[in-house]
N, C-alpha and C. Protein backbone atom coordinates (compact mmCIF):
# COMPACT_ATOMS: atom_id res chain seq x y z
N MET A 1 17.55 4.71 -18.63
CA MET A 1 16.16 4.32 -18.59
C MET A 1 16.02 2.93 -19.18
N ILE A 2 15.06 2.21 -18.69
CA ILE A 2 14.79 0.87 -19.17
C ILE A 2 14.12 0.97 -20.54
N PRO A 3 14.62 0.22 -21.52
CA PRO A 3 14.00 0.30 -22.85
C PRO A 3 12.63 -0.35 -22.88
N SER A 4 11.74 0.24 -23.67
CA SER A 4 10.44 -0.39 -23.86
C SER A 4 10.04 -0.22 -25.32
N GLY A 5 9.87 -1.36 -25.97
CA GLY A 5 9.47 -1.35 -27.37
C GLY A 5 7.97 -1.57 -27.49
N PRO A 6 7.48 -1.68 -28.72
CA PRO A 6 6.04 -1.86 -28.92
C PRO A 6 5.50 -3.17 -28.34
N ALA A 7 6.35 -4.17 -28.19
CA ALA A 7 5.89 -5.45 -27.64
C ALA A 7 6.03 -5.52 -26.12
N THR A 8 6.66 -4.50 -25.53
CA THR A 8 6.85 -4.50 -24.08
C THR A 8 5.57 -4.08 -23.38
N ARG A 9 5.16 -4.88 -22.43
CA ARG A 9 3.98 -4.54 -21.63
C ARG A 9 4.43 -4.01 -20.27
N VAL A 10 3.60 -3.18 -19.68
CA VAL A 10 3.87 -2.62 -18.36
C VAL A 10 2.76 -3.09 -17.43
N PHE A 11 3.14 -3.80 -16.37
CA PHE A 11 2.19 -4.27 -15.38
C PHE A 11 2.44 -3.56 -14.06
N VAL A 12 1.40 -2.95 -13.52
CA VAL A 12 1.50 -2.23 -12.25
C VAL A 12 0.79 -3.05 -11.19
N ALA A 13 1.53 -3.41 -10.13
CA ALA A 13 0.93 -4.14 -9.00
C ALA A 13 0.12 -3.15 -8.17
N LEU A 14 -1.12 -3.50 -7.88
CA LEU A 14 -2.00 -2.58 -7.17
C LEU A 14 -1.78 -2.60 -5.66
N GLU A 15 -1.37 -3.72 -5.12
CA GLU A 15 -1.12 -3.83 -3.69
C GLU A 15 0.26 -3.27 -3.35
N PRO A 16 0.38 -2.48 -2.29
CA PRO A 16 1.70 -1.97 -1.90
C PRO A 16 2.61 -3.11 -1.44
N VAL A 17 3.90 -2.92 -1.64
CA VAL A 17 4.89 -3.92 -1.25
C VAL A 17 5.94 -3.29 -0.35
N ASP A 18 6.65 -4.14 0.34
CA ASP A 18 7.75 -3.72 1.19
C ASP A 18 8.92 -3.34 0.28
N MET A 19 9.34 -2.10 0.33
CA MET A 19 10.39 -1.62 -0.56
C MET A 19 11.77 -2.18 -0.22
N ARG A 20 11.87 -2.96 0.84
CA ARG A 20 13.14 -3.63 1.14
C ARG A 20 13.33 -4.84 0.24
N LYS A 21 12.29 -5.25 -0.48
CA LYS A 21 12.40 -6.40 -1.38
C LYS A 21 13.38 -6.07 -2.50
N GLY A 22 14.16 -7.06 -2.82
CA GLY A 22 15.12 -6.92 -3.91
C GLY A 22 14.74 -7.80 -5.08
N TYR A 23 15.74 -8.27 -5.79
CA TYR A 23 15.53 -9.07 -6.99
C TYR A 23 14.64 -10.29 -6.73
N ASP A 24 15.03 -11.11 -5.78
CA ASP A 24 14.30 -12.35 -5.53
C ASP A 24 12.90 -12.10 -4.99
N GLY A 25 12.74 -11.15 -4.09
CA GLY A 25 11.43 -10.86 -3.54
C GLY A 25 10.45 -10.35 -4.59
N LEU A 26 10.92 -9.44 -5.44
CA LEU A 26 10.06 -8.91 -6.50
C LEU A 26 9.78 -9.97 -7.55
N TYR A 27 10.77 -10.80 -7.85
CA TYR A 27 10.60 -11.92 -8.79
C TYR A 27 9.47 -12.83 -8.30
N GLY A 28 9.47 -13.13 -6.99
CA GLY A 28 8.42 -13.97 -6.41
C GLY A 28 7.06 -13.32 -6.49
N LEU A 29 6.98 -12.01 -6.27
CA LEU A 29 5.70 -11.31 -6.38
C LEU A 29 5.15 -11.35 -7.81
N VAL A 30 6.03 -11.17 -8.78
CA VAL A 30 5.59 -11.22 -10.17
C VAL A 30 5.04 -12.60 -10.50
N THR A 31 5.75 -13.63 -10.06
CA THR A 31 5.34 -15.01 -10.36
C THR A 31 4.06 -15.39 -9.63
N HIS A 32 4.03 -15.22 -8.33
CA HIS A 32 2.95 -15.77 -7.51
C HIS A 32 1.77 -14.81 -7.34
N GLN A 33 2.02 -13.53 -7.18
CA GLN A 33 0.94 -12.58 -6.93
C GLN A 33 0.33 -12.06 -8.23
N LEU A 34 1.18 -11.74 -9.21
CA LEU A 34 0.67 -11.20 -10.47
C LEU A 34 0.40 -12.26 -11.52
N GLY A 35 0.98 -13.44 -11.34
CA GLY A 35 0.76 -14.53 -12.30
C GLY A 35 1.43 -14.30 -13.64
N GLU A 36 2.56 -13.63 -13.65
CA GLU A 36 3.29 -13.33 -14.88
C GLU A 36 4.68 -13.94 -14.82
N ASP A 37 5.34 -13.97 -15.97
CA ASP A 37 6.70 -14.48 -16.07
C ASP A 37 7.67 -13.31 -15.96
N PRO A 38 8.46 -13.26 -14.88
CA PRO A 38 9.39 -12.13 -14.70
C PRO A 38 10.45 -12.05 -15.80
N ARG A 39 10.68 -13.16 -16.51
CA ARG A 39 11.71 -13.18 -17.55
C ARG A 39 11.13 -12.91 -18.94
N SER A 40 9.96 -12.33 -18.98
CA SER A 40 9.28 -12.06 -20.26
C SER A 40 9.82 -10.84 -20.99
N GLY A 41 10.53 -9.98 -20.28
CA GLY A 41 10.99 -8.74 -20.88
C GLY A 41 10.02 -7.59 -20.65
N HIS A 42 8.94 -7.86 -19.94
CA HIS A 42 7.97 -6.81 -19.62
C HIS A 42 8.41 -6.09 -18.36
N LEU A 43 7.81 -4.94 -18.10
CA LEU A 43 8.13 -4.14 -16.92
C LEU A 43 7.09 -4.39 -15.84
N PHE A 44 7.56 -4.54 -14.60
CA PHE A 44 6.69 -4.78 -13.46
C PHE A 44 6.95 -3.68 -12.43
N VAL A 45 5.91 -2.92 -12.10
CA VAL A 45 6.05 -1.72 -11.29
C VAL A 45 5.36 -1.94 -9.94
N PHE A 46 6.07 -1.57 -8.87
CA PHE A 46 5.58 -1.74 -7.51
C PHE A 46 5.72 -0.43 -6.74
N THR A 47 4.86 -0.22 -5.75
CA THR A 47 4.96 0.95 -4.88
C THR A 47 4.83 0.53 -3.42
N ASN A 48 5.16 1.46 -2.54
CA ASN A 48 4.97 1.22 -1.11
C ASN A 48 3.60 1.73 -0.69
N SER A 49 3.26 1.59 0.59
CA SER A 49 1.92 1.98 1.06
C SER A 49 1.70 3.49 1.03
N GLN A 50 2.75 4.29 1.10
CA GLN A 50 2.61 5.75 1.04
C GLN A 50 2.61 6.27 -0.40
N CYS A 51 2.88 5.41 -1.36
CA CYS A 51 2.96 5.78 -2.79
C CYS A 51 3.97 6.89 -3.05
N ASN A 52 5.05 6.89 -2.27
CA ASN A 52 6.10 7.88 -2.52
C ASN A 52 7.41 7.22 -2.99
N ARG A 53 7.38 5.92 -3.14
CA ARG A 53 8.52 5.18 -3.68
C ARG A 53 7.99 4.13 -4.64
N LEU A 54 8.80 3.83 -5.66
CA LEU A 54 8.44 2.73 -6.54
C LEU A 54 9.67 2.01 -7.01
N LYS A 55 9.45 0.78 -7.43
CA LYS A 55 10.51 -0.04 -8.02
C LYS A 55 9.97 -0.69 -9.28
N ILE A 56 10.86 -0.84 -10.25
CA ILE A 56 10.54 -1.51 -11.51
C ILE A 56 11.47 -2.70 -11.66
N LEU A 57 10.88 -3.86 -11.93
CA LEU A 57 11.65 -5.08 -12.20
C LEU A 57 11.61 -5.34 -13.69
N TYR A 58 12.78 -5.63 -14.27
CA TYR A 58 12.89 -5.81 -15.72
C TYR A 58 13.95 -6.86 -16.03
N TRP A 59 13.64 -7.78 -16.93
CA TRP A 59 14.58 -8.80 -17.41
C TRP A 59 15.08 -8.37 -18.77
N ASP A 60 16.41 -8.20 -18.94
CA ASP A 60 16.94 -7.72 -20.22
C ASP A 60 17.47 -8.83 -21.11
N GLY A 61 17.26 -10.08 -20.72
CA GLY A 61 17.73 -11.21 -21.51
C GLY A 61 18.93 -11.89 -20.88
N THR A 62 19.68 -11.16 -20.06
CA THR A 62 20.83 -11.74 -19.39
C THR A 62 20.73 -11.67 -17.88
N GLY A 63 19.87 -10.81 -17.38
CA GLY A 63 19.73 -10.66 -15.94
C GLY A 63 18.62 -9.69 -15.59
N LEU A 64 18.37 -9.59 -14.29
CA LEU A 64 17.30 -8.71 -13.80
C LEU A 64 17.83 -7.32 -13.47
N TRP A 65 17.01 -6.34 -13.75
CA TRP A 65 17.24 -4.96 -13.34
C TRP A 65 16.20 -4.61 -12.31
N VAL A 66 16.60 -3.90 -11.28
CA VAL A 66 15.67 -3.29 -10.34
C VAL A 66 16.01 -1.81 -10.29
N CYS A 67 15.06 -0.99 -10.70
CA CYS A 67 15.23 0.46 -10.68
C CYS A 67 14.26 1.04 -9.67
N GLY A 68 14.67 2.06 -8.97
CA GLY A 68 13.81 2.65 -7.96
C GLY A 68 13.75 4.17 -8.07
N LYS A 69 12.67 4.72 -7.53
CA LYS A 69 12.51 6.17 -7.48
C LYS A 69 11.84 6.52 -6.16
N ARG A 70 12.38 7.55 -5.50
CA ARG A 70 11.80 8.06 -4.25
C ARG A 70 11.45 9.53 -4.47
N LEU A 71 10.20 9.86 -4.20
CA LEU A 71 9.78 11.25 -4.31
C LEU A 71 10.16 12.00 -3.04
N GLU A 72 10.64 13.21 -3.19
CA GLU A 72 10.96 14.04 -2.04
C GLU A 72 9.70 14.68 -1.48
N LYS A 73 8.73 14.97 -2.36
CA LYS A 73 7.44 15.55 -1.95
C LYS A 73 6.36 14.88 -2.78
N GLY A 74 5.18 14.76 -2.19
CA GLY A 74 4.04 14.26 -2.94
C GLY A 74 3.98 12.75 -3.01
N ARG A 75 3.05 12.27 -3.83
CA ARG A 75 2.80 10.83 -4.00
C ARG A 75 2.56 10.53 -5.47
N PHE A 76 2.85 9.29 -5.84
CA PHE A 76 2.48 8.82 -7.17
C PHE A 76 0.97 8.60 -7.20
N SER A 77 0.34 8.92 -8.30
CA SER A 77 -1.09 8.66 -8.46
C SER A 77 -1.24 7.25 -9.01
N TRP A 78 -1.51 6.31 -8.13
CA TRP A 78 -1.57 4.90 -8.51
C TRP A 78 -2.87 4.61 -9.24
N PRO A 79 -2.85 3.71 -10.23
CA PRO A 79 -4.07 3.39 -10.99
C PRO A 79 -5.20 2.87 -10.11
N ASP A 80 -6.40 3.09 -10.57
CA ASP A 80 -7.60 2.65 -9.87
C ASP A 80 -7.75 1.13 -10.05
N PRO A 81 -7.97 0.40 -8.97
CA PRO A 81 -8.05 -1.06 -9.06
C PRO A 81 -9.34 -1.59 -9.68
N GLN A 82 -10.26 -0.73 -10.11
CA GLN A 82 -11.54 -1.23 -10.62
C GLN A 82 -11.39 -2.06 -11.89
N ASP A 83 -10.41 -1.77 -12.71
CA ASP A 83 -10.20 -2.54 -13.94
C ASP A 83 -9.08 -3.55 -13.78
N SER A 84 -8.82 -3.96 -12.55
CA SER A 84 -7.68 -4.84 -12.30
C SER A 84 -7.99 -6.28 -12.67
N GLU A 85 -6.92 -6.97 -12.96
CA GLU A 85 -6.97 -8.40 -13.23
C GLU A 85 -5.90 -9.03 -12.36
N ARG A 86 -6.33 -9.79 -11.35
CA ARG A 86 -5.41 -10.49 -10.46
C ARG A 86 -4.41 -9.55 -9.79
N GLY A 87 -4.89 -8.41 -9.32
CA GLY A 87 -4.05 -7.49 -8.56
C GLY A 87 -3.10 -6.65 -9.36
N LYS A 88 -3.36 -6.55 -10.67
CA LYS A 88 -2.46 -5.77 -11.51
C LYS A 88 -3.27 -5.00 -12.54
N VAL A 89 -2.66 -3.96 -13.05
CA VAL A 89 -3.24 -3.17 -14.14
C VAL A 89 -2.18 -3.07 -15.21
N ARG A 90 -2.60 -3.21 -16.45
CA ARG A 90 -1.68 -3.07 -17.57
C ARG A 90 -1.73 -1.64 -18.08
N LEU A 91 -0.55 -1.04 -18.24
CA LEU A 91 -0.43 0.32 -18.74
C LEU A 91 0.36 0.33 -20.03
N SER A 92 0.18 1.38 -20.80
CA SER A 92 1.03 1.61 -21.96
C SER A 92 2.33 2.26 -21.49
N ALA A 93 3.33 2.26 -22.34
CA ALA A 93 4.59 2.92 -22.00
C ALA A 93 4.36 4.41 -21.77
N ALA A 94 3.45 5.00 -22.53
CA ALA A 94 3.14 6.42 -22.36
C ALA A 94 2.49 6.68 -21.00
N ALA A 95 1.59 5.79 -20.58
CA ALA A 95 0.94 5.94 -19.28
C ALA A 95 1.96 5.78 -18.16
N LEU A 96 2.94 4.88 -18.32
CA LEU A 96 3.99 4.75 -17.31
C LEU A 96 4.80 6.03 -17.22
N ALA A 97 5.13 6.62 -18.35
CA ALA A 97 5.88 7.88 -18.34
C ALA A 97 5.09 8.97 -17.62
N MET A 98 3.78 9.00 -17.84
CA MET A 98 2.95 9.99 -17.15
C MET A 98 2.94 9.72 -15.65
N LEU A 99 2.79 8.46 -15.25
CA LEU A 99 2.78 8.10 -13.84
C LEU A 99 4.09 8.52 -13.18
N LEU A 100 5.21 8.24 -13.84
CA LEU A 100 6.52 8.60 -13.29
C LEU A 100 6.71 10.12 -13.25
N GLY A 101 6.05 10.83 -14.16
CA GLY A 101 6.16 12.28 -14.23
C GLY A 101 5.20 13.02 -13.32
N GLY A 102 4.37 12.29 -12.56
CA GLY A 102 3.49 12.93 -11.60
C GLY A 102 2.11 13.26 -12.12
N ILE A 103 1.74 12.72 -13.27
CA ILE A 103 0.41 13.00 -13.81
C ILE A 103 -0.59 12.00 -13.24
N ASP A 104 -1.75 12.48 -12.85
CA ASP A 104 -2.81 11.64 -12.29
C ASP A 104 -3.49 10.89 -13.43
N LEU A 105 -3.28 9.59 -13.50
CA LEU A 105 -3.85 8.78 -14.58
C LEU A 105 -5.37 8.71 -14.51
N GLY A 106 -5.93 8.88 -13.33
CA GLY A 106 -7.38 8.87 -13.19
C GLY A 106 -8.05 10.04 -13.88
N ARG A 107 -7.33 11.12 -14.03
CA ARG A 107 -7.88 12.30 -14.69
C ARG A 107 -7.48 12.39 -16.15
N ALA A 108 -6.46 11.63 -16.53
CA ALA A 108 -6.03 11.63 -17.93
C ALA A 108 -6.99 10.76 -18.73
N LYS A 109 -7.25 11.15 -19.96
CA LYS A 109 -8.21 10.42 -20.77
C LYS A 109 -7.63 10.18 -22.15
N SER A 110 -7.65 8.91 -22.59
CA SER A 110 -7.18 8.56 -23.93
C SER A 110 -8.26 8.84 -24.96
N LYS A 111 -7.85 9.17 -26.14
CA LYS A 111 -8.79 9.34 -27.25
C LYS A 111 -9.32 7.96 -27.66
N ALA A 112 -10.51 7.92 -28.21
CA ALA A 112 -11.14 6.66 -28.61
C ALA A 112 -10.30 5.89 -29.61
N TRP A 113 -9.67 6.58 -30.54
CA TRP A 113 -8.88 5.89 -31.56
C TRP A 113 -7.64 5.25 -30.95
N LEU A 114 -7.13 5.79 -29.86
CA LEU A 114 -5.96 5.21 -29.20
C LEU A 114 -6.36 3.96 -28.44
N ARG A 115 -7.49 3.96 -27.76
CA ARG A 115 -7.94 2.81 -26.99
C ARG A 115 -8.20 1.61 -27.90
N GLU A 116 -8.64 1.86 -29.14
CA GLU A 116 -8.91 0.77 -30.07
C GLU A 116 -7.64 0.05 -30.49
N ASN A 117 -6.50 0.74 -30.45
CA ASN A 117 -5.23 0.15 -30.88
C ASN A 117 -4.49 -0.58 -29.79
N GLU A 118 -4.94 -0.47 -28.55
CA GLU A 118 -4.20 -1.10 -27.45
C GLU A 118 -4.50 -2.57 -27.36
């Protein structure tokens, strides 16, 4: 699993992407579409139009990692774009774990004290 510490941010791209994209294609999307630095050490998450596949781009300090997951059944519950900023949504590491585990983030609710600390 890709490590994520307290300073690691998770950015989810809201627009579906072509899952044939590799290192360079995803790097370009992070730079130009999301407006972020792919070498920041943050996690960048992408899905396809059916929301049954995803890829994560991560810079570990020496090179890029691309990790992927394909669901055999069902779809990932992608975040709602209403709170988006430039085509992306920022998630906590816990929210990413829930998304990867099949939990619908739209129905999950954080406690008020947790939202104040984010």
